Amino acid sequence: MIGKIWKRLFALFMLGILLAPVAAMAQTEHQLCFIGECNAMTTEFRDLTLRPATIALLPPQATLHQKQVLSTEEMVAEARPLEDALAADLASGFEKLGYEVLLLSDAKLEADQELAALVLQANQRYDAELDKMVASELKGVKYRRYSVGTEARLLANYLEVDAVAFARLEAIGASGGQKLIGFGNQGQIHLGVSIAHARTGDIEAFFGGNNTPMFGKSISGITKKPGKTTAKITKTALKKMPEVAQALRPEKLEAENVRTVQLHDAEEESDVLDDLESLLEEPAAEPTTATD
């Protein structure tokens, strides 16, 4: 009897070794931090020239995947509690550093059609820039290579804030079977927060974190305690975010590769906002009926 048990355990052990390359593939789609925290800030963010005092925090977006032995399954419904908890944690984290936070909720977006349209456009533009950040390198933020452009400026000016913050959380948790036989990276949680300024639309700062436990992260550990999960990763990601009035020493950069700052005033965006408001107020065209 004991011999059979040992044989089964040995078989599971060998199967885990064979599947180790699969387990090692547990990397999030938009991973910019690999161990602990990572950050990048423009010179103007560091020296307070473009350090925002008021930040609008857009509803965070979270994706959750369950890593099984031979496949990965997305868990959409289970990701929602992570988004709610993350919004509260980030708002609290910003406020502790002295920033004034405007937290946008789904209820606010549902009540304001124009705001909802601006948030949608800004998120779409940001996700495109995030893909570029992942494809190239995070230090490009320091050189002002990434921007949410007009979409960020319009949204910030509409809300009358200095900047808008975009948060993306990606989590991978191992199933019970994967935890039993898996080796290598069986799960992790990655958070990235970008801050785009109202005067430039550029991503002035990025703060991120990656929590990867030695023996992986179980899916049950994530879903049963979403608040604990988001609190820990938020603390990691915001570890190097400076206080609102805390100036940082400039970093040595290749000056010829830094994109020139282009400042915009709120008045420049007013005409575009007026056009958008007029467009949203136009009544929908009534359907025409066919005539003989």
C-alpha atoms as a PDB file:
ATOM      1  CA  MET A   1       0.000   0.000   0.000  1.00  0.00           C
ATOM      2  CA  ILE A   2       2.741   2.439   1.005  1.00  0.00           C
ATOM      3  CA  GLY A   3       4.677   1.481  -2.116  1.00  0.00           C
ATOM      4  CA  LYS A   4       1.733   2.438  -4.352  1.00  0.00           C
ATOM      5  CA  ILE A   5       1.381   5.830  -2.651  1.00  0.00           C
ATOM      6  CA  TRP A   6       5.054   6.580  -3.181  1.00  0.00           C
ATOM      7  CA  LYS A   7       4.792   5.561  -6.814  1.00  0.00           C
ATOM      8  CA  ARG A   8       1.883   7.947  -7.341  1.00  0.00           C
ATOM      9  CA  LEU A   9       3.713  10.787  -5.618  1.00  0.00           C
ATOM     10  CA  PHE A  10       6.789  10.106  -7.735  1.00  0.00           C
ATOM     11  CA  ALA A  11       4.653  10.113 -10.880  1.00  0.00           C
ATOM     12  CA  LEU A  12       3.163  13.494  -9.912  1.00  0.00           C
ATOM     13  CA  PHE A  13       6.655  14.807  -9.200  1.00  0.00           C
ATOM     14  CA  MET A  14       7.921  13.759 -12.630  1.00  0.00           C
ATOM     15  CA  LEU A  15       4.837  15.200 -14.311  1.00  0.00           C
ATOM     16  CA  GLY A  16       5.532  18.519 -12.592  1.00  0.00           C
ATOM     17  CA  ILE A  17       9.076  18.528 -13.944  1.00  0.00           C
ATOM     18  CA  LEU A  18       7.817  17.836 -17.456  1.00  0.00           C
ATOM     19  CA  LEU A  19       5.293  20.668 -17.180  1.00  0.00           C
ATOM     20  CA  ALA A  20       7.734  23.146 -15.648  1.00  0.00           C
ATOM     21  CA  PRO A  21       8.154  25.073 -18.932  1.00  0.00           C
ATOM     22  CA  VAL A  22       4.386  25.542 -19.060  1.00  0.00           C
ATOM     23  CA  ALA A  23       4.287  26.772 -15.484  1.00  0.00           C
ATOM     24  CA  ALA A  24       7.065  29.238 -16.160  1.00  0.00           C
ATOM     25  CA  MET A  25       4.838  30.963 -18.708  1.00  0.00           C
ATOM     26  CA  ALA A  26       2.635  32.490 -15.998  1.00  0.00           C
ATOM     27  CA  GLN A  27       3.455  36.084 -16.934  1.00  0.00           C
ATOM     28  CA  THR A  28       0.898  38.852 -17.142  1.00  0.00           C
ATOM     29  CA  GLU A  29       0.164  40.468 -20.487  1.00  0.00           C
ATOM     30  CA  HIS A  30       1.233  43.998 -19.553  1.00  0.00           C
ATOM     31  CA  GLN A  31       4.010  43.171 -17.116  1.00  0.00           C
ATOM     32  CA  LEU A  32       6.468  46.016 -16.545  1.00  0.00           C
ATOM     33  CA  CYS A  33       7.680  45.041 -13.061  1.00  0.00           C
ATOM     34  CA  PHE A  34       9.238  41.641 -12.488  1.00  0.00           C
ATOM     35  CA  ILE A  35      10.308  41.676  -8.835  1.00  0.00           C
ATOM     36  CA  GLY A  36       8.932  44.097  -6.279  1.00  0.00           C
ATOM     37  CA  GLU A  37       8.279  47.693  -7.303  1.00  0.00           C
ATOM     38  CA  CYS A  38       9.299  49.669 -10.368  1.00  0.00           C
ATOM     39  CA  ASN A  39       8.821  53.306 -11.303  1.00  0.00           C
ATOM     40  CA  ALA A  40       9.673  55.967 -13.860  1.00  0.00           C
ATOM     41  CA  MET A  41       9.074  59.726 -13.710  1.00  0.00           C
ATOM     42  CA  THR A  42       9.710  62.671 -15.993  1.00  0.00           C
ATOM     43  CA  THR A  43      12.086  65.405 -14.846  1.00  0.00           C
ATOM     44  CA  GLU A  44       9.159  67.806 -14.511  1.00  0.00           C
ATOM     45  CA  PHE A  45       7.272  65.382 -12.263  1.00  0.00           C
ATOM     46  CA  ARG A  46      10.341  64.947 -10.100  1.00  0.00           C
ATOM     47  CA  ASP A  47      11.106  68.655  -9.680  1.00  0.00           C
ATOM     48  CA  LEU A  48       7.437  69.629  -9.023  1.00  0.00           C
ATOM     49  CA  THR A  49       7.013  71.589 -12.281  1.00  0.00           C
ATOM     50  CA  LEU A  50       4.300  69.151 -13.378  1.00  0.00           C
ATOM     51  CA  ARG A  51       3.535  67.476 -10.045  1.00  0.00           C
ATOM     52  CA  PRO A  52      -0.275  67.337  -9.762  1.00  0.00           C
ATOM     53  CA  ALA A  53      -2.050  68.328  -6.579  1.00  0.00           C
ATOM     54  CA  THR A  54      -5.426  66.919  -7.642  1.00  0.00           C
ATOM     55  CA  ILE A  55      -5.803  63.540  -9.349  1.00  0.00           C
ATOM     56  CA  ALA A  56      -8.884  61.930 -10.862  1.00  0.00           C
ATOM     57  CA  LEU A  57      -8.657  58.169 -10.388  1.00  0.00           C
ATOM     58  CA  LEU A  58     -10.458  56.361 -13.183  1.00  0.00           C
ATOM     59  CA  PRO A  59     -12.185  53.077 -12.315  1.00  0.00           C
ATOM     60  CA  PRO A  60      -9.341  50.518 -12.178  1.00  0.00           C
ATOM     61  CA  GLN A  61      -9.445  47.615 -14.604  1.00  0.00           C
ATOM     62  CA  ALA A  62      -8.521  44.127 -13.422  1.00  0.00           C
ATOM     63  CA  THR A  63      -8.075  40.819 -15.200  1.00  0.00           C
ATOM     64  CA  LEU A  64      -7.931  37.505 -13.367  1.00  0.00           C
ATOM     65  CA  HIS A  65      -6.824  34.166 -14.788  1.00  0.00           C
ATOM     66  CA  GLN A  66      -6.842  30.734 -13.202  1.00  0.00           C
ATOM     67  CA  LYS A  67      -3.789  28.732 -14.177  1.00  0.00           C
ATOM     68  CA  GLN A  68      -4.665  25.072 -14.549  1.00  0.00           C
ATOM     69  CA  VAL A  69      -2.346  22.195 -15.335  1.00  0.00           C
ATOM     70  CA  LEU A  70      -2.569  22.498 -19.120  1.00  0.00           C
ATOM     71  CA  SER A  71      -4.582  25.664 -19.707  1.00  0.00           C
ATOM     72  CA  THR A  72      -5.498  29.100 -18.393  1.00  0.00           C
ATOM     73  CA  GLU A  73      -9.053  30.312 -17.793  1.00  0.00           C
ATOM     74  CA  GLU A  74     -10.166  33.944 -17.475  1.00  0.00           C
ATOM     75  CA  MET A  75     -12.459  34.694 -14.537  1.00  0.00           C
ATOM     76  CA  VAL A  76     -14.433  37.834 -15.384  1.00  0.00           C
ATOM     77  CA  ALA A  77     -16.972  37.961 -12.563  1.00  0.00           C
ATOM     78  CA  GLU A  78     -14.361  37.225  -9.899  1.00  0.00           C
ATOM     79  CA  ALA A  79     -12.245  40.178 -11.080  1.00  0.00           C
ATOM     80  CA  ARG A  80     -14.867  42.782 -10.174  1.00  0.00           C
ATOM     81  CA  PRO A  81     -14.251  42.666  -6.376  1.00  0.00           C
ATOM     82  CA  LEU A  82     -10.570  43.250  -7.119  1.00  0.00           C
ATOM     83  CA  GLU A  83     -11.454  46.433  -9.032  1.00  0.00           C
ATOM     84  CA  ASP A  84     -13.625  47.767  -6.220  1.00  0.00           C
ATOM     85  CA  ALA A  85     -11.018  47.041  -3.557  1.00  0.00           C
ATOM     86  CA  LEU A  86      -8.203  48.462  -5.684  1.00  0.00           C
ATOM     87  CA  ALA A  87     -10.047  51.749  -6.237  1.00  0.00           C
ATOM     88  CA  ALA A  88     -10.367  52.272  -2.485  1.00  0.00           C
ATOM     89  CA  ASP A  89      -6.748  51.257  -1.812  1.00  0.00           C
ATOM     90  CA  LEU A  90      -5.302  53.561  -4.472  1.00  0.00           C
ATOM     91  CA  ALA A  91      -7.431  56.515  -3.400  1.00  0.00           C
ATOM     92  CA  SER A  92      -6.301  55.982   0.187  1.00  0.00           C
ATOM     93  CA  GLY A  93      -2.677  55.619  -0.903  1.00  0.00           C
ATOM     94  CA  PHE A  94      -2.736  58.862  -2.897  1.00  0.00           C
ATOM     95  CA  GLU A  95      -4.409  60.753  -0.067  1.00  0.00           C
ATOM     96  CA  LYS A  96      -1.834  59.574   2.473  1.00  0.00           C
ATOM     97  CA  LEU A  97       0.809  61.169   0.252  1.00  0.00           C
ATOM     98  CA  GLY A  98      -1.066  64.472   0.273  1.00  0.00           C
ATOM     99  CA  TYR A  99      -2.842  64.316  -3.086  1.00  0.00           C
ATOM    100  CA  GLU A 100      -6.471  65.353  -3.424  1.00  0.00           C
ATOM    101  CA  VAL A 101      -8.313  62.489  -5.113  1.00  0.00           C
ATOM    102  CA  LEU A 102     -11.466  62.476  -7.199  1.00  0.00           C
ATOM    103  CA  LEU A 103     -12.577  58.853  -7.377  1.00  0.00           C
ATOM    104  CA  LEU A 104     -14.719  58.140 -10.428  1.00  0.00           C
ATOM    105  CA  SER A 105     -17.278  55.421  -9.809  1.00  0.00           C
ATOM    106  CA  ASP A 106     -19.452  53.533 -12.259  1.00  0.00           C
ATOM    107  CA  ALA A 107     -22.434  55.387 -10.807  1.00  0.00           C
ATOM    108  CA  LYS A 108     -20.874  58.744 -11.725  1.00  0.00           C
ATOM    109  CA  LEU A 109     -20.237  57.574 -15.271  1.00  0.00           C
ATOM    110  CA  GLU A 110     -23.784  56.287 -15.667  1.00  0.00           C
ATOM    111  CA  ALA A 111     -25.146  59.642 -14.518  1.00  0.00           C
ATOM    112  CA  ASP A 112     -22.973  61.718 -16.869  1.00  0.00           C
ATOM    113  CA  GLN A 113     -23.008  60.695 -20.527  1.00  0.00           C
ATOM    114  CA  GLU A 114     -20.339  63.187 -21.542  1.00  0.00           C
ATOM    115  CA  LEU A 115     -18.006  62.069 -18.753  1.00  0.00           C
ATOM    116  CA  ALA A 116     -18.527  58.429 -19.709  1.00  0.00           C
ATOM    117  CA  ALA A 117     -17.566  59.194 -23.317  1.00  0.00           C
ATOM    118  CA  LEU A 118     -14.421  61.048 -22.232  1.00  0.00           C
ATOM    119  CA  VAL A 119     -13.374  58.217 -19.904  1.00  0.00           C
ATOM    120  CA  LEU A 120     -13.917  55.624 -22.632  1.00  0.00           C
ATOM    121  CA  GLN A 121     -11.779  57.559 -25.099  1.00  0.00           C
ATOM    122  CA  ALA A 122      -9.022  58.162 -22.538  1.00  0.00           C
ATOM    123  CA  ASN A 123      -8.925  54.484 -21.553  1.00  0.00           C
ATOM    124  CA  GLN A 124      -8.688  53.391 -25.179  1.00  0.00           C
ATOM    125  CA  ARG A 125      -5.821  55.778 -25.837  1.00  0.00           C
ATOM    126  CA  TYR A 126      -4.045  54.755 -22.641  1.00  0.00           C
ATOM    127  CA  ASP A 127      -4.283  51.037 -23.418  1.00  0.00           C
ATOM    128  CA  ALA A 128      -2.650  51.699 -26.788  1.00  0.00           C
ATOM    129  CA  GLU A 129       0.192  53.535 -25.043  1.00  0.00           C
ATOM    130  CA  LEU A 130       0.499  50.769 -22.463  1.00  0.00           C
ATOM    131  CA  ASP A 131       1.093  48.272 -25.264  1.00  0.00           C
ATOM    132  CA  LYS A 132       3.925  50.510 -26.490  1.00  0.00           C
ATOM    133  CA  MET A 133       5.411  50.709 -23.007  1.00  0.00           C
ATOM    134  CA  VAL A 134       5.459  46.923 -22.721  1.00  0.00           C
ATOM    135  CA  ALA A 135       6.862  46.492 -26.224  1.00  0.00           C
ATOM    136  CA  SER A 136       9.740  48.915 -25.645  1.00  0.00           C
ATOM    137  CA  GLU A 137      10.823  49.870 -22.130  1.00  0.00           C
ATOM    138  CA  LEU A 138       9.586  51.573 -18.989  1.00  0.00           C
ATOM    139  CA  LYS A 139      12.366  54.144 -18.893  1.00  0.00           C
ATOM    140  CA  GLY A 140      10.755  55.738 -21.940  1.00  0.00           C
ATOM    141  CA  VAL A 141       8.471  57.499 -19.450  1.00  0.00           C
ATOM    142  CA  LYS A 142      11.499  59.476 -18.249  1.00  0.00           C
ATOM    143  CA  TYR A 143      12.099  60.606 -21.823  1.00  0.00           C
ATOM    144  CA  ARG A 144       8.456  61.643 -22.305  1.00  0.00           C
ATOM    145  CA  ARG A 145       7.811  59.043 -25.006  1.00  0.00           C
ATOM    146  CA  TYR A 146       4.300  58.048 -23.951  1.00  0.00           C
ATOM    147  CA  SER A 147       1.212  60.209 -24.007  1.00  0.00           C
ATOM    148  CA  VAL A 148      -2.550  59.894 -23.571  1.00  0.00           C
ATOM    149  CA  GLY A 149      -2.750  63.109 -25.569  1.00  0.00           C
ATOM    150  CA  THR A 150      -5.860  65.163 -26.115  1.00  0.00           C
ATOM    151  CA  GLU A 151      -8.015  62.462 -24.548  1.00  0.00           C
ATOM    152  CA  ALA A 152      -6.302  62.873 -21.156  1.00  0.00           C
ATOM    153  CA  ARG A 153      -6.273  66.662 -21.343  1.00  0.00           C
ATOM    154  CA  LEU A 154      -9.972  66.847 -22.207  1.00  0.00           C
ATOM    155  CA  LEU A 155     -10.924  64.527 -19.374  1.00  0.00           C
ATOM    156  CA  ALA A 156      -8.757  66.307 -16.805  1.00  0.00           C
ATOM    157  CA  ASN A 157     -10.070  69.723 -17.783  1.00  0.00           C
ATOM    158  CA  TYR A 158     -13.659  68.493 -17.775  1.00  0.00           C
ATOM    159  CA  LEU A 159     -13.142  67.259 -14.204  1.00  0.00           C
ATOM    160  CA  GLU A 160     -11.075  70.337 -13.265  1.00  0.00           C
ATOM    161  CA  VAL A 161      -8.157  68.294 -11.934  1.00  0.00           C
ATOM    162  CA  ASP A 162      -4.417  68.461 -12.527  1.00  0.00           C
ATOM    163  CA  ALA A 163      -4.061  64.875 -13.711  1.00  0.00           C
ATOM    164  CA  VAL A 164      -5.795  61.578 -14.319  1.00  0.00           C
ATOM    165  CA  ALA A 165      -4.609  58.191 -13.077  1.00  0.00           C
ATOM    166  CA  PHE A 166      -5.016  54.910 -14.955  1.00  0.00           C
ATOM    167  CA  ALA A 167      -4.692  51.628 -13.023  1.00  0.00           C
ATOM    168  CA  ARG A 168      -4.387  48.142 -14.506  1.00  0.00           C
ATOM    169  CA  LEU A 169      -4.177  45.036 -12.333  1.00  0.00           C
ATOM    170  CA  GLU A 170      -3.436  41.591 -13.751  1.00  0.00           C
ATOM    171  CA  ALA A 171      -3.548  38.508 -11.567  1.00  0.00           C
ATOM    172  CA  ILE A 172      -2.805  34.851 -12.230  1.00  0.00           C
ATOM    173  CA  GLY A 173      -3.700  32.268  -9.609  1.00  0.00           C
ATOM    174  CA  ALA A 174      -2.971  28.573  -9.632  1.00  0.00           C
ATOM    175  CA  SER A 175      -5.711  25.978  -9.318  1.00  0.00           C
ATOM    176  CA  GLY A 176      -5.435  23.253  -6.688  1.00  0.00           C
ATOM    177  CA  GLY A 177      -4.092  20.776  -9.216  1.00  0.00           C
ATOM    178  CA  GLN A 178      -1.516  23.210 -10.556  1.00  0.00           C
ATOM    179  CA  LYS A 179      -0.321  24.044  -7.052  1.00  0.00           C
ATOM    180  CA  LEU A 180       0.098  20.339  -6.330  1.00  0.00           C
ATOM    181  CA  ILE A 181       2.266  19.415  -9.294  1.00  0.00           C
ATOM    182  CA  GLY A 182       3.464  22.743 -10.632  1.00  0.00           C
ATOM    183  CA  PHE A 183       6.977  24.100 -10.580  1.00  0.00           C
ATOM    184  CA  GLY A 184       8.323  27.489 -11.542  1.00  0.00           C
ATOM    185  CA  ASN A 185       6.103  30.564 -11.638  1.00  0.00           C
ATOM    186  CA  GLN A 186       2.608  29.392 -10.754  1.00  0.00           C
ATOM    187  CA  GLY A 187       0.970  32.756 -10.308  1.00  0.00           C
ATOM    188  CA  GLN A 188       1.553  36.407  -9.638  1.00  0.00           C
ATOM    189  CA  ILE A 189      -0.120  39.792  -9.274  1.00  0.00           C
ATOM    190  CA  HIS A 190       0.991  42.838 -11.239  1.00  0.00           C
ATOM    191  CA  LEU A 191      -0.242  46.423 -10.839  1.00  0.00           C
ATOM    192  CA  GLY A 192       0.627  49.416 -12.968  1.00  0.00           C
ATOM    193  CA  VAL A 193      -0.490  52.999 -12.298  1.00  0.00           C
ATOM    194  CA  SER A 194       0.146  55.811 -14.774  1.00  0.00           C
ATOM    195  CA  ILE A 195      -0.418  59.522 -14.174  1.00  0.00           C
ATOM    196  CA  ALA A 196      -1.153  61.778 -17.167  1.00  0.00           C
ATOM    197  CA  HIS A 197      -1.073  65.553 -16.642  1.00  0.00           C
ATOM    198  CA  ALA A 198      -3.777  67.971 -17.783  1.00  0.00           C
ATOM    199  CA  ARG A 199      -1.240  70.418 -19.236  1.00  0.00           C
ATOM    200  CA  THR A 200       0.601  67.889 -21.407  1.00  0.00           C
ATOM    201  CA  GLY A 201      -1.463  64.729 -21.740  1.00  0.00           C
ATOM    202  CA  ASP A 202       1.841  62.901 -21.319  1.00  0.00           C
ATOM    203  CA  ILE A 203       2.402  60.070 -18.885  1.00  0.00           C
ATOM    204  CA  GLU A 204       4.436  61.980 -16.329  1.00  0.00           C
ATOM    205  CA  ALA A 205       4.900  59.052 -13.963  1.00  0.00           C
ATOM    206  CA  PHE A 206       4.434  55.302 -13.707  1.00  0.00           C
ATOM    207  CA  PHE A 207       4.374  53.321 -10.471  1.00  0.00           C
ATOM    208  CA  GLY A 208       4.117  49.549 -10.519  1.00  0.00           C
ATOM    209  CA  GLY A 209       4.534  46.449  -8.451  1.00  0.00           C
ATOM    210  CA  ASN A 210       4.746  42.692  -8.868  1.00  0.00           C
ATOM    211  CA  ASN A 211       4.030  40.246  -6.062  1.00  0.00           C
ATOM    212  CA  THR A 212       5.169  36.723  -6.867  1.00  0.00           C
ATOM    213  CA  PRO A 213       5.245  34.408  -3.822  1.00  0.00           C
ATOM    214  CA  MET A 214       7.960  31.754  -3.768  1.00  0.00           C
ATOM    215  CA  PHE A 215       5.446  28.944  -4.176  1.00  0.00           C
ATOM    216  CA  GLY A 216       3.027  30.826  -6.402  1.00  0.00           C
ATOM    217  CA  LYS A 217      -0.370  32.348  -5.717  1.00  0.00           C
ATOM    218  CA  SER A 218      -3.481  30.208  -5.429  1.00  0.00           C
ATOM    219  CA  ILE A 219      -6.672  31.325  -7.154  1.00  0.00           C
ATOM    220  CA  SER A 220      -8.639  30.803  -3.931  1.00  0.00           C
ATOM    221  CA  GLY A 221      -6.241  33.060  -2.047  1.00  0.00           C
ATOM    222  CA  ILE A 222      -7.014  35.854  -4.518  1.00  0.00           C
ATOM    223  CA  THR A 223     -10.772  35.462  -4.817  1.00  0.00           C
ATOM    224  CA  LYS A 224     -11.571  34.829  -1.155  1.00  0.00           C
ATOM    225  CA  LYS A 225      -9.655  37.864   0.112  1.00  0.00           C
ATOM    226  CA  PRO A 226      -9.621  40.478  -2.694  1.00  0.00           C
ATOM    227  CA  GLY A 227      -9.073  43.328  -0.248  1.00  0.00           C
ATOM    228  CA  LYS A 228      -5.956  41.720   1.203  1.00  0.00           C
ATOM    229  CA  THR A 229      -4.665  41.047  -2.298  1.00  0.00           C
ATOM    230  CA  THR A 230      -5.099  44.625  -3.547  1.00  0.00           C
ATOM    231  CA  ALA A 231      -3.854  46.228  -0.323  1.00  0.00           C
ATOM    232  CA  LYS A 232      -0.557  44.364  -0.571  1.00  0.00           C
ATOM    233  CA  ILE A 233       0.092  45.082  -4.247  1.00  0.00           C
ATOM    234  CA  THR A 234      -0.935  48.742  -3.861  1.00  0.00           C
ATOM    235  CA  LYS A 235       1.578  49.176  -1.045  1.00  0.00           C
ATOM    236  CA  THR A 236       4.273  47.680  -3.261  1.00  0.00           C
ATOM    237  CA  ALA A 237       3.402  49.785  -6.308  1.00  0.00           C
ATOM    238  CA  LEU A 238       3.233  53.132  -4.481  1.00  0.00           C
ATOM    239  CA  LYS A 239       6.365  52.529  -2.421  1.00  0.00           C
ATOM    240  CA  LYS A 240       8.433  55.093  -4.356  1.00  0.00           C
ATOM    241  CA  MET A 241       5.665  57.576  -5.182  1.00  0.00           C
ATOM    242  CA  PRO A 242       6.698  60.918  -3.678  1.00  0.00           C
ATOM    243  CA  GLU A 243       4.508  63.083  -1.488  1.00  0.00           C
ATOM    244  CA  VAL A 244       2.648  65.852  -3.272  1.00  0.00           C
ATOM    245  CA  ALA A 245       5.194  68.571  -2.368  1.00  0.00           C
ATOM    246  CA  GLN A 246       8.304  66.383  -2.177  1.00  0.00           C
ATOM    247  CA  ALA A 247      10.837  67.360  -4.824  1.00  0.00           C
ATOM    248  CA  LEU A 248      13.185  64.655  -6.082  1.00  0.00           C
ATOM    249  CA  ARG A 249      16.698  64.992  -7.436  1.00  0.00           C
ATOM    250  CA  PRO A 250      16.885  65.047 -11.243  1.00  0.00           C
ATOM    251  CA  GLU A 251      18.132  61.918 -12.949  1.00  0.00           C
ATOM    252  CA  LYS A 252      20.931  61.881 -15.466  1.00  0.00           C
ATOM    253  CA  LEU A 253      19.298  61.501 -18.871  1.00  0.00           C
ATOM    254  CA  GLU A 254      20.468  61.746 -22.463  1.00  0.00           C
ATOM    255  CA  ALA A 255      19.203  65.284 -23.036  1.00  0.00           C
ATOM    256  CA  GLU A 256      19.072  64.936 -26.809  1.00  0.00           C
ATOM    257  CA  ASN A 257      16.616  62.040 -26.487  1.00  0.00           C
ATOM    258  CA  VAL A 258      14.144  63.770 -24.151  1.00  0.00           C
ATOM    259  CA  ARG A 259      11.010  64.965 -25.946  1.00  0.00           C
ATOM    260  CA  THR A 260      10.277  68.648 -25.471  1.00  0.00           C
ATOM    261  CA  VAL A 261       7.456  69.513 -23.090  1.00  0.00           C
ATOM    262  CA  GLN A 262       4.413  70.961 -24.842  1.00  0.00           C
ATOM    263  CA  LEU A 263       2.093  72.749 -22.456  1.00  0.00           C
ATOM    264  CA  HIS A 264      -1.587  73.328 -23.194  1.00  0.00           C
ATOM    265  CA  ASP A 265      -4.090  75.581 -21.467  1.00  0.00           C
ATOM    266  CA  ALA A 266      -7.611  74.609 -20.494  1.00  0.00           C
ATOM    267  CA  GLU A 267      -8.985  77.208 -22.902  1.00  0.00           C
ATOM    268  CA  GLU A 268      -7.545  75.244 -25.827  1.00  0.00           C
ATOM    269  CA  GLU A 269      -9.739  72.280 -24.958  1.00  0.00           C
ATOM    270  CA  SER A 270     -12.972  74.224 -24.381  1.00  0.00           C
ATOM    271  CA  ASP A 271     -14.050  74.237 -28.026  1.00  0.00           C
ATOM    272  CA  VAL A 272     -13.556  70.475 -28.303  1.00  0.00           C
ATOM    273  CA  LEU A 273     -15.547  69.903 -25.118  1.00  0.00           C
ATOM    274  CA  ASP A 274     -18.324  72.132 -26.437  1.00  0.00           C
ATOM    275  CA  ASP A 275     -18.435  70.137 -29.679  1.00  0.00           C
ATOM    276  CA  LEU A 276     -18.599  66.864 -27.762  1.00  0.00           C
ATOM    277  CA  GLU A 277     -21.378  68.176 -25.533  1.00  0.00           C
ATOM    278  CA  SER A 278     -23.373  69.334 -28.554  1.00  0.00           C
ATOM    279  CA  LEU A 279     -22.911  65.982 -30.244  1.00  0.00           C
ATOM    280  CA  LEU A 280     -24.175  64.086 -27.200  1.00  0.00           C
ATOM    281  CA  GLU A 281     -27.174  66.393 -26.882  1.00  0.00           C
ATOM    282  CA  GLU A 282     -28.319  65.846 -30.475  1.00  0.00           C
ATOM    283  CA  PRO A 283     -31.497  63.722 -30.543  1.00  0.00           C
ATOM    284  CA  ALA A 284     -31.197  60.346 -32.179  1.00  0.00           C
ATOM    285  CA  ALA A 285     -32.579  60.228 -35.715  1.00  0.00           C
ATOM    286  CA  GLU A 286     -35.989  58.643 -35.926  1.00  0.00           C
ATOM    287  CA  PRO A 287     -36.095  55.480 -38.032  1.00  0.00           C
ATOM    288  CA  THR A 288     -37.653  55.933 -41.442  1.00  0.00           C
ATOM    289  CA  THR A 289     -40.484  53.704 -42.595  1.00  0.00           C
ATOM    290  CA  ALA A 290     -40.548  52.204 -46.037  1.00  0.00           C
ATOM    291  CA  THR A 291     -43.226  53.484 -48.415  1.00  0.00           C
ATOM    292  CA  ASP A 292     -44.695  51.861 -51.438  1.00  0.00           C
END
